[in-house]
Amino acid sequence: MSDVVKPKIGSYHRHLLVCTGPRCTEDGAAQALFDSLGDKFKAAGLNAGELRVKRSRVSCFAACKGGPIMCVQPDGTWYYNVTPENLDRIIDEHLCNGRRVEDLVFHQHGEKCVDS
């Protein structure tokens, strides 16, 4: 029996999950957003250090309306309509400065959901 090697991962402050499934955006916009994150994180200083953000693609959140959809963990903040401009706001306001972008939040873990 072979020994299973325990994986290692660098420390990070937040984890950004991006839905790149075909029902979120049919035109590949979510994948393009994900692909832009490396450069955006580097420019914002989020690629290393105390505020480092890890990013991952997910294939489906089962919240397919209003995509692209992103979730910031461990904050439990879910964003919709993540256009390139809105992504810049999320990076600046939430990931760099710790303030949710309220007009883009459709769900917040721990808060009662209210339909608008």
N, C-alpha and C. Protein backbone atom coordinates (compact mmCIF):
# COMPACT_ATOMS: atom_id res chain seq x y z
N MET A 1 0.84 -1.18 0.00
CA MET A 1 0.00 0.00 0.00
C MET A 1 0.89 1.25 0.00
N SER A 2 0.62 2.19 -0.89
CA SER A 2 1.44 3.39 -0.95
C SER A 2 0.98 4.41 0.07
N ASP A 3 1.92 5.23 0.50
CA ASP A 3 1.59 6.29 1.45
C ASP A 3 0.96 7.46 0.71
N VAL A 4 -0.09 7.97 1.24
CA VAL A 4 -0.75 9.15 0.68
C VAL A 4 -0.05 10.37 1.24
N VAL A 5 0.36 11.25 0.34
CA VAL A 5 1.07 12.45 0.76
C VAL A 5 0.05 13.53 1.14
N LYS A 6 0.23 14.09 2.32
CA LYS A 6 -0.65 15.15 2.79
C LYS A 6 -0.36 16.42 1.98
N PRO A 7 -1.40 17.02 1.38
CA PRO A 7 -1.16 18.21 0.56
C PRO A 7 -0.84 19.42 1.42
N LYS A 8 -0.21 20.40 0.80
CA LYS A 8 0.09 21.66 1.47
C LYS A 8 -0.50 22.79 0.65
N ILE A 9 -0.88 23.85 1.32
CA ILE A 9 -1.43 25.02 0.63
C ILE A 9 -0.94 26.26 1.39
N GLY A 10 -0.63 27.31 0.66
CA GLY A 10 -0.19 28.54 1.29
C GLY A 10 -1.34 29.19 2.05
N SER A 11 -1.00 29.97 3.05
CA SER A 11 -2.05 30.64 3.82
C SER A 11 -2.72 31.72 2.97
N TYR A 12 -3.96 31.98 3.26
CA TYR A 12 -4.72 33.01 2.55
C TYR A 12 -5.76 33.58 3.49
N HIS A 13 -6.19 34.81 3.19
CA HIS A 13 -7.15 35.53 4.03
C HIS A 13 -8.59 35.23 3.61
N ARG A 14 -8.82 35.22 2.30
CA ARG A 14 -10.15 34.93 1.77
C ARG A 14 -10.02 33.99 0.57
N HIS A 15 -11.14 33.35 0.26
CA HIS A 15 -11.21 32.44 -0.88
C HIS A 15 -12.37 32.90 -1.76
N LEU A 16 -12.06 33.25 -2.99
CA LEU A 16 -13.08 33.72 -3.94
C LEU A 16 -13.45 32.56 -4.86
N LEU A 17 -14.73 32.19 -4.84
CA LEU A 17 -15.25 31.11 -5.67
C LEU A 17 -16.05 31.73 -6.80
N VAL A 18 -15.73 31.34 -8.02
CA VAL A 18 -16.36 31.92 -9.21
C VAL A 18 -17.07 30.80 -9.98
N CYS A 19 -18.37 30.97 -10.20
CA CYS A 19 -19.11 30.00 -10.99
C CYS A 19 -18.78 30.23 -12.46
N THR A 20 -18.23 29.21 -13.10
CA THR A 20 -17.92 29.29 -14.53
C THR A 20 -18.78 28.32 -15.34
N GLY A 21 -19.85 27.86 -14.73
CA GLY A 21 -20.75 26.93 -15.40
C GLY A 21 -21.47 27.59 -16.57
N PRO A 22 -21.89 26.80 -17.54
CA PRO A 22 -22.51 27.35 -18.75
C PRO A 22 -23.87 28.00 -18.52
N ARG A 23 -24.55 27.68 -17.42
CA ARG A 23 -25.86 28.30 -17.19
C ARG A 23 -25.73 29.66 -16.52
N CYS A 24 -24.59 29.94 -15.90
CA CYS A 24 -24.37 31.23 -15.25
C CYS A 24 -24.18 32.32 -16.32
N THR A 25 -23.34 32.04 -17.29
CA THR A 25 -23.15 32.93 -18.43
C THR A 25 -22.84 32.07 -19.65
N GLU A 26 -23.66 32.17 -20.64
CA GLU A 26 -23.49 31.34 -21.83
C GLU A 26 -22.36 31.83 -22.72
N ASP A 27 -21.97 33.10 -22.59
CA ASP A 27 -20.97 33.67 -23.49
C ASP A 27 -19.53 33.56 -22.97
N GLY A 28 -19.31 32.84 -21.89
CA GLY A 28 -17.97 32.68 -21.34
C GLY A 28 -17.50 33.85 -20.49
N ALA A 29 -18.40 34.77 -20.14
CA ALA A 29 -18.01 35.95 -19.37
C ALA A 29 -17.45 35.57 -18.00
N ALA A 30 -18.02 34.55 -17.36
CA ALA A 30 -17.54 34.15 -16.03
C ALA A 30 -16.12 33.60 -16.12
N GLN A 31 -15.83 32.83 -17.14
CA GLN A 31 -14.47 32.31 -17.31
C GLN A 31 -13.49 33.46 -17.56
N ALA A 32 -13.91 34.44 -18.35
CA ALA A 32 -13.06 35.61 -18.60
C ALA A 32 -12.79 36.37 -17.31
N LEU A 33 -13.80 36.50 -16.45
CA LEU A 33 -13.60 37.14 -15.14
C LEU A 33 -12.57 36.36 -14.32
N PHE A 34 -12.75 35.05 -14.28
CA PHE A 34 -11.82 34.22 -13.52
C PHE A 34 -10.40 34.38 -14.06
N ASP A 35 -10.27 34.37 -15.38
CA ASP A 35 -8.95 34.49 -16.00
C ASP A 35 -8.29 35.84 -15.70
N SER A 36 -9.08 36.87 -15.45
CA SER A 36 -8.53 38.20 -15.18
C SER A 36 -8.08 38.37 -13.72
N LEU A 37 -8.46 37.45 -12.85
CA LEU A 37 -8.20 37.62 -11.42
C LEU A 37 -6.72 37.65 -11.05
N GLY A 38 -5.90 36.87 -11.72
CA GLY A 38 -4.47 36.85 -11.39
C GLY A 38 -3.86 38.24 -11.48
N ASP A 39 -4.07 38.90 -12.61
CA ASP A 39 -3.52 40.25 -12.80
C ASP A 39 -4.16 41.25 -11.85
N LYS A 40 -5.47 41.14 -11.64
CA LYS A 40 -6.17 42.06 -10.75
C LYS A 40 -5.72 41.90 -9.30
N PHE A 41 -5.54 40.66 -8.86
CA PHE A 41 -5.06 40.41 -7.51
C PHE A 41 -3.64 40.95 -7.33
N LYS A 42 -2.80 40.74 -8.32
CA LYS A 42 -1.42 41.24 -8.25
C LYS A 42 -1.42 42.77 -8.14
N ALA A 43 -2.22 43.44 -8.97
CA ALA A 43 -2.28 44.91 -8.96
C ALA A 43 -2.79 45.44 -7.62
N ALA A 44 -3.69 44.68 -6.98
CA ALA A 44 -4.28 45.12 -5.71
C ALA A 44 -3.49 44.63 -4.49
N GLY A 45 -2.43 43.87 -4.72
CA GLY A 45 -1.65 43.33 -3.61
C GLY A 45 -2.30 42.17 -2.91
N LEU A 46 -3.18 41.47 -3.61
CA LEU A 46 -3.91 40.34 -3.02
C LEU A 46 -3.33 38.98 -3.41
N ASN A 47 -2.18 38.99 -4.07
CA ASN A 47 -1.59 37.73 -4.50
C ASN A 47 -0.58 37.17 -3.49
N ALA A 48 -0.27 37.95 -2.44
CA ALA A 48 0.67 37.52 -1.42
C ALA A 48 0.41 38.32 -0.14
N GLY A 49 0.99 37.86 0.93
CA GLY A 49 0.90 38.61 2.18
C GLY A 49 -0.37 38.35 2.97
N GLU A 50 -0.63 39.23 3.94
CA GLU A 50 -1.75 39.06 4.87
C GLU A 50 -3.11 39.01 4.20
N LEU A 51 -3.30 39.76 3.12
CA LEU A 51 -4.61 39.83 2.46
C LEU A 51 -4.73 38.86 1.28
N ARG A 52 -3.80 37.94 1.13
CA ARG A 52 -3.82 37.02 -0.02
C ARG A 52 -5.20 36.38 -0.20
N VAL A 53 -5.65 36.37 -1.44
CA VAL A 53 -6.93 35.76 -1.79
C VAL A 53 -6.66 34.56 -2.70
N LYS A 54 -7.21 33.44 -2.33
CA LYS A 54 -7.17 32.24 -3.17
C LYS A 54 -8.39 32.28 -4.07
N ARG A 55 -8.27 31.79 -5.27
CA ARG A 55 -9.39 31.78 -6.21
C ARG A 55 -9.60 30.37 -6.74
N SER A 56 -10.86 30.03 -6.93
CA SER A 56 -11.21 28.72 -7.47
C SER A 56 -12.43 28.84 -8.37
N ARG A 57 -12.45 28.01 -9.39
CA ARG A 57 -13.62 27.88 -10.27
C ARG A 57 -14.52 26.81 -9.69
N VAL A 58 -15.82 27.03 -9.80
CA VAL A 58 -16.78 25.98 -9.50
C VAL A 58 -17.66 25.82 -10.72
N SER A 59 -18.20 24.62 -10.90
CA SER A 59 -18.97 24.37 -12.11
C SER A 59 -20.43 24.80 -11.99
N CYS A 60 -20.96 24.86 -10.75
CA CYS A 60 -22.34 25.30 -10.58
C CYS A 60 -22.64 25.55 -9.11
N PHE A 61 -23.22 26.70 -8.82
CA PHE A 61 -23.69 27.02 -7.48
C PHE A 61 -25.18 26.72 -7.34
N ALA A 62 -25.85 26.40 -8.44
CA ALA A 62 -27.31 26.21 -8.46
C ALA A 62 -28.02 27.50 -8.08
N ALA A 63 -27.44 28.61 -8.49
CA ALA A 63 -28.05 29.95 -8.34
C ALA A 63 -27.82 30.64 -9.67
N CYS A 64 -28.51 30.18 -10.69
CA CYS A 64 -28.15 30.49 -12.07
C CYS A 64 -28.67 31.83 -12.59
N LYS A 65 -29.51 32.51 -11.87
CA LYS A 65 -30.01 33.79 -12.36
C LYS A 65 -29.06 34.90 -11.96
N GLY A 66 -28.93 35.90 -12.82
CA GLY A 66 -28.14 37.07 -12.47
C GLY A 66 -26.65 36.88 -12.50
N GLY A 67 -26.17 35.85 -13.20
CA GLY A 67 -24.73 35.60 -13.25
C GLY A 67 -23.97 36.65 -14.04
N PRO A 68 -22.69 36.59 -13.93
CA PRO A 68 -21.85 35.69 -13.17
C PRO A 68 -22.03 35.85 -11.65
N ILE A 69 -21.87 34.71 -10.96
CA ILE A 69 -22.03 34.62 -9.52
C ILE A 69 -20.66 34.37 -8.89
N MET A 70 -20.41 35.04 -7.75
CA MET A 70 -19.18 34.83 -6.98
C MET A 70 -19.54 34.71 -5.51
N CYS A 71 -18.72 33.97 -4.79
CA CYS A 71 -18.89 33.84 -3.35
C CYS A 71 -17.55 34.10 -2.68
N VAL A 72 -17.55 34.95 -1.67
CA VAL A 72 -16.35 35.24 -0.89
C VAL A 72 -16.44 34.47 0.42
N GLN A 73 -15.46 33.61 0.65
CA GLN A 73 -15.38 32.85 1.89
C GLN A 73 -14.14 33.28 2.66
N PRO A 74 -14.10 33.25 3.96
CA PRO A 74 -15.10 32.66 4.84
C PRO A 74 -16.24 33.61 5.17
N ASP A 75 -16.31 34.75 4.50
CA ASP A 75 -17.32 35.77 4.81
C ASP A 75 -18.74 35.32 4.53
N GLY A 76 -18.91 34.37 3.60
CA GLY A 76 -20.25 33.91 3.25
C GLY A 76 -21.05 34.94 2.47
N THR A 77 -20.35 35.76 1.68
CA THR A 77 -21.00 36.81 0.90
C THR A 77 -21.12 36.36 -0.54
N TRP A 78 -22.34 36.40 -1.07
CA TRP A 78 -22.64 35.96 -2.43
C TRP A 78 -22.99 37.18 -3.29
N TYR A 79 -22.28 37.31 -4.40
CA TYR A 79 -22.49 38.42 -5.33
C TYR A 79 -23.08 37.93 -6.65
N TYR A 80 -23.91 38.78 -7.25
CA TYR A 80 -24.46 38.51 -8.58
C TYR A 80 -24.10 39.67 -9.50
N ASN A 81 -24.36 39.47 -10.80
CA ASN A 81 -24.10 40.50 -11.81
C ASN A 81 -22.65 40.99 -11.72
N VAL A 82 -21.73 40.05 -11.65
CA VAL A 82 -20.32 40.40 -11.51
C VAL A 82 -19.73 40.69 -12.89
N THR A 83 -19.97 41.89 -13.35
CA THR A 83 -19.37 42.39 -14.58
C THR A 83 -17.91 42.74 -14.28
N PRO A 84 -17.09 43.01 -15.29
CA PRO A 84 -15.72 43.45 -15.01
C PRO A 84 -15.67 44.69 -14.10
N GLU A 85 -16.57 45.63 -14.31
CA GLU A 85 -16.60 46.83 -13.47
C GLU A 85 -17.01 46.49 -12.04
N ASN A 86 -18.01 45.61 -11.89
CA ASN A 86 -18.44 45.21 -10.55
C ASN A 86 -17.37 44.38 -9.84
N LEU A 87 -16.62 43.59 -10.60
CA LEU A 87 -15.51 42.83 -10.03
C LEU A 87 -14.47 43.79 -9.44
N ASP A 88 -14.17 44.87 -10.15
CA ASP A 88 -13.22 45.85 -9.63
C ASP A 88 -13.71 46.45 -8.32
N ARG A 89 -15.01 46.70 -8.22
CA ARG A 89 -15.59 47.22 -6.97
C ARG A 89 -15.46 46.20 -5.85
N ILE A 90 -15.74 44.94 -6.14
CA ILE A 90 -15.65 43.87 -5.14
C ILE A 90 -14.21 43.73 -4.65
N ILE A 91 -13.26 43.78 -5.56
CA ILE A 91 -11.85 43.68 -5.17
C ILE A 91 -11.47 44.85 -4.28
N ASP A 92 -11.79 46.06 -4.71
CA ASP A 92 -11.40 47.25 -3.95
C ASP A 92 -12.12 47.33 -2.60
N GLU A 93 -13.45 47.25 -2.64
CA GLU A 93 -14.22 47.48 -1.42
C GLU A 93 -14.20 46.29 -0.46
N HIS A 94 -14.44 45.09 -0.99
CA HIS A 94 -14.57 43.93 -0.10
C HIS A 94 -13.22 43.28 0.19
N LEU A 95 -12.51 42.87 -0.86
CA LEU A 95 -11.30 42.10 -0.63
C LEU A 95 -10.16 42.93 -0.05
N CYS A 96 -10.05 44.19 -0.46
CA CYS A 96 -8.98 45.06 0.07
C CYS A 96 -9.38 45.78 1.34
N ASN A 97 -10.64 46.18 1.45
CA ASN A 97 -11.05 47.04 2.56
C ASN A 97 -12.11 46.46 3.49
N GLY A 98 -12.55 45.22 3.23
CA GLY A 98 -13.43 44.52 4.15
C GLY A 98 -14.86 45.01 4.20
N ARG A 99 -15.31 45.77 3.18
CA ARG A 99 -16.69 46.27 3.15
C ARG A 99 -17.44 45.60 1.99
N ARG A 100 -18.55 44.97 2.32
CA ARG A 100 -19.36 44.35 1.27
C ARG A 100 -19.85 45.41 0.29
N VAL A 101 -20.03 44.99 -0.95
CA VAL A 101 -20.63 45.86 -1.96
C VAL A 101 -22.12 45.53 -1.94
N GLU A 102 -22.84 46.22 -1.07
CA GLU A 102 -24.21 45.86 -0.72
C GLU A 102 -25.15 45.74 -1.91
N ASP A 103 -25.03 46.61 -2.91
CA ASP A 103 -25.97 46.56 -4.02
C ASP A 103 -25.76 45.35 -4.93
N LEU A 104 -24.68 44.60 -4.72
CA LEU A 104 -24.42 43.39 -5.52
C LEU A 104 -24.61 42.10 -4.72
N VAL A 105 -24.87 42.22 -3.42
CA VAL A 105 -25.04 41.04 -2.56
C VAL A 105 -26.45 40.50 -2.73
N PHE A 106 -26.56 39.19 -3.03
CA PHE A 106 -27.89 38.58 -3.07
C PHE A 106 -28.10 37.59 -1.93
N HIS A 107 -27.03 37.26 -1.22
CA HIS A 107 -27.16 36.38 -0.05
C HIS A 107 -25.96 36.61 0.85
N GLN A 108 -26.24 36.64 2.16
CA GLN A 108 -25.18 36.76 3.15
C GLN A 108 -25.39 35.67 4.19
N HIS A 109 -24.44 34.79 4.33
CA HIS A 109 -24.55 33.72 5.31
C HIS A 109 -24.81 34.32 6.70
N GLY A 110 -25.75 33.73 7.39
CA GLY A 110 -26.05 34.16 8.74
C GLY A 110 -27.10 35.23 8.84
N GLU A 111 -27.51 35.78 7.69
CA GLU A 111 -28.55 36.81 7.71
C GLU A 111 -29.80 36.22 7.08
N LYS A 112 -30.93 36.61 7.61
CA LYS A 112 -32.21 36.16 7.11
C LYS A 112 -32.41 36.65 5.69
N CYS A 113 -32.81 35.76 4.80
CA CYS A 113 -33.05 36.13 3.42
C CYS A 113 -34.39 36.84 3.30
N VAL A 114 -34.38 37.93 2.58
CA VAL A 114 -35.60 38.70 2.35
C VAL A 114 -35.73 38.92 0.85
N ASP A 115 -36.86 38.55 0.28
CA ASP A 115 -37.10 38.78 -1.14
C ASP A 115 -37.41 40.25 -1.35
N SER A 116 -36.81 40.84 -2.39
CA SER A 116 -37.11 42.24 -2.67
C SER A 116 -37.98 42.41 -3.86
